[in-house]
Amino acid sequence: MTKELIIEKVKISSPKKIVYSSSGITKKDIALYYQKVAERMLPYIKNRIISSVRCPAGTKSSCFYKKHLEENSLGLKKIIIPTKNNSKNDYYYITDISGIISEVQMNTIEFHIWGSKILNINKPDIMVFDLDPDESLSLEDVREGVKDLKSILDKLGIISFLKTSGGKGYHIVIPFKPTASWTKFRAFAKNIAKLMETNWPNKYTSNMRKSLRKNKIYIDWVRNTKSQTSIAPYSLRARDYPAVSMPIKWSELEKVAPNEIDIKKASLRLKRKDPWEHFFDINQELK
């Protein structure tokens, strides 16, 4: 008789199911990874509205976004958000490590987060710029884009952090004290992307239209809008390769490719000093 697999009080069904067929990564492997990484991941995902990407038959089959909580699961809670037209939307959030594992039990691979916490839902505290390159561009082009964006932020005196996307580009992530409205937050992010476009019109675009991205990097600022999400730090990606969106040091930009860190490398990197150790200690406001 096969012994039940229980992680953080959550029973994991079908633990031997292959999720990443290219590498043989199983549902059990994913649950153990998230258990291992939870201490570092939780500060970015706990008490923050999430949407998840679930792949019941693995990454080679159909996956889907989940934004609403329909199951009573350990470590997950529902939240109701009123809309402008007096209706209501229900979302959900994670309260502790068991919530992360509950999601894995329900075949979640990716975790996407809001830029604000549930107790201060209208005052965002995490800004994200996603550098999304056209297929024609090289890795060096993308790295140059990261440097150009960081140079603008540095001139403004804004402290920023770097992570891999687990895909083609990098993410620049900025902690702010939750004092500005979503309207101001979004406008500031848009203006930064517009400035990139103005300074280097042949290299960058702030417009999400595919037709305007040819040979350019799209500076995705739209993530910084209420109800929009971005991939959480330490989250796996639901793709052929088990890449992780991993926080890295600025000095690693030239050394680590956007999709280089996989589930095994991410686990090993936990032995190193946290490159985002003081993320939530940064005392900067959007004025």
Protein backbone atom coordinates (compact mmCIF):
# COMPACT_ATOMS: atom_id res chain seq x y z
CA MET A 1 0.00 0.00 0.00
CA THR A 2 1.41 3.38 -1.05
CA LYS A 3 1.96 5.79 1.84
CA GLU A 4 0.06 9.06 1.57
CA LEU A 5 2.10 12.17 0.81
CA ILE A 6 1.16 14.98 3.17
CA ILE A 7 3.02 18.30 2.98
CA GLU A 8 2.17 21.16 5.36
CA LYS A 9 -1.03 19.30 6.35
CA VAL A 10 -2.14 19.06 2.71
CA LYS A 11 -2.62 15.66 1.11
CA ILE A 12 -1.00 15.54 -2.33
CA SER A 13 -2.89 13.28 -4.72
CA SER A 14 -1.13 11.67 -7.69
CA PRO A 15 2.32 12.74 -6.43
CA LYS A 16 4.12 10.76 -9.15
CA LYS A 17 2.26 12.49 -11.98
CA ILE A 18 4.70 13.94 -14.50
CA VAL A 19 4.12 17.69 -14.85
CA TYR A 20 7.17 18.66 -16.93
CA SER A 21 7.59 15.85 -19.42
CA SER A 22 10.90 17.20 -20.75
CA SER A 23 12.61 16.82 -17.38
CA GLY A 24 10.46 14.30 -15.51
CA ILE A 25 9.51 16.79 -12.80
CA THR A 26 6.55 15.43 -10.84
CA LYS A 27 3.76 16.96 -8.80
CA LYS A 28 5.62 15.82 -5.68
CA ASP A 29 8.77 17.62 -6.85
CA ILE A 30 6.78 20.83 -7.32
CA ALA A 31 5.18 20.57 -3.88
CA LEU A 32 8.56 19.98 -2.24
CA TYR A 33 10.07 22.91 -4.14
CA TYR A 34 7.39 25.31 -2.97
CA GLN A 35 7.71 24.00 0.59
CA LYS A 36 11.44 24.66 0.45
CA VAL A 37 11.13 28.13 -1.07
CA ALA A 38 8.12 29.26 0.97
CA GLU A 39 10.08 31.18 3.61
CA ARG A 40 11.45 33.53 0.95
CA MET A 41 8.38 33.53 -1.26
CA LEU A 42 5.71 34.19 1.35
CA PRO A 43 6.57 37.87 2.01
CA TYR A 44 5.71 38.62 -1.64
CA ILE A 45 2.62 36.46 -1.95
CA LYS A 46 1.00 36.25 1.50
CA ASN A 47 -2.17 38.35 2.01
CA ARG A 48 -2.01 39.54 -1.59
CA ILE A 49 -4.65 38.69 -4.19
CA ILE A 50 -3.40 36.01 -6.55
CA SER A 51 -4.33 34.37 -9.79
CA SER A 52 -2.86 30.97 -10.56
CA VAL A 53 -2.05 28.96 -13.65
CA ARG A 54 -3.20 25.37 -13.28
CA CYS A 55 -2.16 22.48 -15.51
CA PRO A 56 -4.11 19.35 -14.51
CA ALA A 57 -2.47 17.20 -17.18
CA GLY A 58 0.97 18.81 -17.11
CA THR A 59 2.52 21.67 -19.06
CA LYS A 60 2.21 19.89 -22.40
CA SER A 61 -1.59 19.98 -22.16
CA SER A 62 -4.09 22.77 -21.66
CA CYS A 63 -3.52 25.10 -18.70
CA PHE A 64 -5.88 27.78 -17.40
CA TYR A 65 -5.94 30.86 -15.17
CA LYS A 66 -7.78 30.68 -11.87
CA LYS A 67 -8.87 33.94 -10.23
CA HIS A 68 -11.73 32.79 -8.01
CA LEU A 69 -11.81 30.43 -5.06
CA GLU A 70 -14.36 27.64 -5.40
CA GLU A 71 -12.87 25.11 -3.00
CA ASN A 72 -12.52 25.25 0.76
CA SER A 73 -8.79 24.71 1.02
CA LEU A 74 -6.27 25.08 3.81
CA GLY A 75 -4.43 28.40 3.78
CA LEU A 76 -6.67 30.08 1.17
CA LYS A 77 -9.30 32.75 1.77
CA LYS A 78 -11.80 34.60 -0.37
CA ILE A 79 -12.04 38.40 -0.61
CA ILE A 80 -14.83 40.48 -2.17
CA ILE A 81 -13.80 43.64 -4.04
CA PRO A 82 -16.48 46.19 -5.05
CA THR A 83 -16.29 47.58 -8.58
CA LYS A 84 -17.04 51.04 -9.97
CA ASN A 85 -20.46 49.99 -11.25
CA ASN A 86 -21.57 48.82 -7.79
CA SER A 87 -21.10 45.14 -8.53
CA LYS A 88 -18.67 42.86 -6.73
CA ASN A 89 -15.81 40.60 -7.76
CA ASP A 90 -14.56 37.76 -5.63
CA TYR A 91 -10.85 36.97 -5.54
CA TYR A 92 -8.68 34.96 -3.20
CA TYR A 93 -5.37 35.05 -1.40
CA ILE A 94 -2.85 32.88 0.45
CA THR A 95 -2.51 33.17 4.24
CA ASP A 96 0.41 30.82 4.92
CA ILE A 97 2.59 28.03 3.54
CA SER A 98 -0.31 25.56 3.53
CA GLY A 99 -2.09 27.83 1.03
CA ILE A 100 0.80 27.50 -1.41
CA ILE A 101 0.74 23.72 -1.08
CA SER A 102 -3.06 23.65 -1.40
CA GLU A 103 -2.63 25.38 -4.74
CA VAL A 104 -0.07 22.80 -5.84
CA GLN A 105 -2.51 20.05 -4.86
CA MET A 106 -5.00 21.72 -7.24
CA ASN A 107 -2.34 21.53 -9.99
CA THR A 108 -1.14 25.12 -9.77
CA ILE A 109 2.29 25.79 -11.25
CA GLU A 110 2.42 29.58 -11.57
CA PHE A 111 1.51 32.20 -8.98
CA HIS A 112 0.65 35.74 -10.09
CA ILE A 113 0.20 38.55 -7.58
CA TRP A 114 -1.44 41.97 -7.25
CA GLY A 115 0.73 44.97 -6.52
CA SER A 116 -1.11 45.70 -3.25
CA LYS A 117 -2.00 43.79 -0.11
CA ILE A 118 -5.54 42.97 0.94
CA LEU A 119 -5.47 45.28 3.98
CA ASN A 120 -4.49 48.25 1.80
CA ILE A 121 -5.97 47.18 -1.49
CA ASN A 122 -6.09 50.66 -3.06
CA LYS A 123 -2.50 51.60 -2.20
CA PRO A 124 0.00 49.50 -4.18
CA ASP A 125 3.46 48.75 -2.82
CA ILE A 126 5.16 46.73 -5.58
CA MET A 127 5.85 48.13 -9.06
CA VAL A 128 6.97 45.84 -11.87
CA PHE A 129 8.48 46.54 -15.29
CA ASP A 130 8.57 43.53 -17.59
CA LEU A 131 11.04 43.82 -20.47
CA ASP A 132 9.50 41.74 -23.26
CA PRO A 133 11.80 41.51 -26.31
CA ASP A 134 10.84 40.86 -29.90
CA GLU A 135 11.99 37.45 -31.11
CA SER A 136 14.62 39.07 -33.34
CA LEU A 137 16.53 40.58 -30.43
CA SER A 138 19.53 39.07 -28.67
CA LEU A 139 20.12 38.49 -24.98
CA GLU A 140 22.59 41.37 -25.03
CA ASP A 141 19.85 43.66 -26.35
CA VAL A 142 17.64 42.67 -23.43
CA ARG A 143 20.42 43.22 -20.92
CA GLU A 144 21.07 46.65 -22.40
CA GLY A 145 17.38 47.42 -21.96
CA VAL A 146 17.59 46.50 -18.29
CA LYS A 147 20.59 48.81 -17.85
CA ASP A 148 18.84 51.68 -19.63
CA LEU A 149 15.75 51.37 -17.46
CA LYS A 150 17.80 51.10 -14.29
CA SER A 151 19.75 54.23 -15.29
CA ILE A 152 16.49 56.21 -15.36
CA LEU A 153 15.41 54.87 -11.99
CA ASP A 154 18.85 55.58 -10.52
CA LYS A 155 18.69 59.20 -11.68
CA LEU A 156 15.35 59.50 -9.90
CA GLY A 157 16.88 58.05 -6.75
CA ILE A 158 14.66 54.96 -6.90
CA ILE A 159 16.03 51.70 -5.51
CA SER A 160 15.07 48.73 -7.68
CA PHE A 161 15.57 44.97 -7.74
CA LEU A 162 16.11 42.44 -10.51
CA LYS A 163 14.69 39.01 -11.23
CA THR A 164 14.55 36.61 -14.11
CA SER A 165 11.20 36.19 -15.81
CA GLY A 166 11.60 32.50 -16.48
CA GLY A 167 10.96 33.41 -20.13
CA LYS A 168 12.57 35.82 -22.61
CA GLY A 169 13.19 38.88 -20.46
CA TYR A 170 13.92 40.28 -17.05
CA HIS A 171 11.72 42.04 -14.50
CA ILE A 172 12.70 45.18 -12.62
CA VAL A 173 10.76 45.33 -9.36
CA ILE A 174 10.43 48.36 -7.10
CA PRO A 175 9.19 48.46 -3.49
CA PHE A 176 7.21 51.52 -2.44
CA LYS A 177 5.52 52.47 0.76
CA PRO A 178 1.75 52.08 0.14
CA THR A 179 0.85 55.77 -0.02
CA ALA A 180 -0.02 56.49 -3.68
CA SER A 181 -3.31 55.62 -5.39
CA TRP A 182 -3.49 53.12 -8.21
CA THR A 183 -4.12 56.01 -10.63
CA LYS A 184 -0.87 57.76 -9.69
CA PHE A 185 1.00 54.47 -9.52
CA ARG A 186 -0.06 53.49 -13.03
CA ALA A 187 0.64 56.98 -14.42
CA PHE A 188 4.16 56.96 -13.00
CA ALA A 189 4.93 53.53 -14.48
CA LYS A 190 3.56 54.62 -17.84
CA ASN A 191 5.69 57.77 -17.81
CA ILE A 192 8.83 55.73 -17.14
CA ALA A 193 8.05 53.48 -20.11
CA LYS A 194 7.27 56.53 -22.26
CA LEU A 195 10.60 58.06 -21.27
CA MET A 196 12.38 54.91 -22.40
CA GLU A 197 10.55 55.19 -25.71
CA THR A 198 11.42 58.88 -26.08
CA ASN A 199 15.09 58.49 -25.19
CA TRP A 200 15.65 55.43 -27.39
CA PRO A 201 12.82 55.34 -29.99
CA ASN A 202 14.50 52.64 -32.07
CA LYS A 203 14.95 50.30 -29.14
CA TYR A 204 11.86 50.44 -26.94
CA THR A 205 8.10 50.78 -27.07
CA SER A 206 5.53 51.44 -24.37
CA ASN A 207 2.71 50.24 -26.63
CA MET A 208 1.52 46.67 -26.14
CA ARG A 209 0.42 46.23 -29.77
CA LYS A 210 2.37 43.41 -31.38
CA SER A 211 2.71 45.31 -34.65
CA LEU A 212 4.71 48.04 -32.91
CA ARG A 213 7.17 45.71 -31.22
CA LYS A 214 9.21 44.65 -34.25
CA ASN A 215 12.92 44.75 -33.39
CA LYS A 216 12.08 46.45 -30.09
CA ILE A 217 11.64 45.66 -26.42
CA TYR A 218 8.18 46.26 -25.03
CA ILE A 219 8.41 47.92 -21.62
CA ASP A 220 5.34 46.42 -20.02
CA TRP A 221 4.12 48.94 -17.46
CA VAL A 222 0.46 47.84 -17.57
CA ARG A 223 1.11 45.31 -14.75
CA ASN A 224 0.92 48.35 -12.45
CA THR A 225 -2.86 48.65 -12.75
CA LYS A 226 -5.41 47.60 -10.16
CA SER A 227 -6.54 44.00 -10.76
CA GLN A 228 -3.56 43.30 -13.05
CA THR A 229 -1.00 40.77 -11.87
CA SER A 230 2.65 39.86 -12.38
CA ILE A 231 4.49 36.60 -11.85
CA ALA A 232 5.51 36.20 -8.22
CA PRO A 233 9.15 35.94 -7.16
CA TYR A 234 10.21 32.28 -6.91
CA SER A 235 7.25 31.07 -8.99
CA LEU A 236 7.72 28.29 -11.50
CA ARG A 237 6.61 28.90 -15.09
CA ALA A 238 4.07 26.63 -16.79
CA ARG A 239 6.18 25.97 -19.88
CA ASP A 240 8.12 23.08 -21.37
CA TYR A 241 11.14 23.85 -19.19
CA PRO A 242 10.72 24.18 -15.38
CA ALA A 243 12.14 27.70 -15.21
CA VAL A 244 11.70 29.94 -12.18
CA SER A 245 11.15 33.70 -11.95
CA MET A 246 14.09 34.14 -9.62
CA PRO A 247 15.36 37.15 -7.67
CA ILE A 248 19.01 37.79 -8.52
CA LYS A 249 21.64 40.39 -7.68
CA TRP A 250 22.24 43.30 -10.06
CA SER A 251 25.79 42.04 -10.47
CA GLU A 252 24.39 38.81 -11.96
CA LEU A 253 22.68 40.49 -14.91
CA GLU A 254 25.54 39.58 -17.28
CA LYS A 255 25.84 36.07 -15.86
CA VAL A 256 22.28 34.74 -15.59
CA ALA A 257 19.94 34.38 -18.58
CA PRO A 258 16.19 35.05 -18.14
CA ASN A 259 15.23 31.36 -18.33
CA GLU A 260 18.43 29.86 -16.95
CA ILE A 261 17.35 29.14 -13.38
CA ASP A 262 15.24 26.01 -13.19
CA ILE A 263 13.62 24.28 -10.22
CA LYS A 264 16.85 22.51 -9.22
CA LYS A 265 19.09 25.56 -9.55
CA ALA A 266 16.54 27.67 -7.67
CA SER A 267 16.59 25.21 -4.77
CA LEU A 268 20.39 25.34 -4.63
CA ARG A 269 20.40 29.14 -4.70
CA LEU A 270 18.43 29.19 -1.45
CA LYS A 271 21.69 28.36 0.30
CA ARG A 272 23.05 31.75 -0.79
CA LYS A 273 22.34 35.08 0.85
CA ASP A 274 18.95 36.45 -0.18
CA PRO A 275 19.60 39.02 -2.98
CA TRP A 276 16.36 40.80 -2.04
CA GLU A 277 16.97 40.61 1.71
CA HIS A 278 16.01 44.23 2.43
CA PHE A 279 13.24 44.58 -0.18
CA PHE A 280 10.49 45.56 2.26
CA ASP A 281 12.83 47.71 4.37
CA ILE A 282 13.28 50.25 1.58
CA ASN A 283 11.70 53.52 2.67
CA GLN A 284 10.71 55.17 -0.61
CA GLU A 285 7.42 56.76 -1.58
CA LEU A 286 5.89 57.70 -4.90
CA LYS A 287 5.32 61.46 -4.76
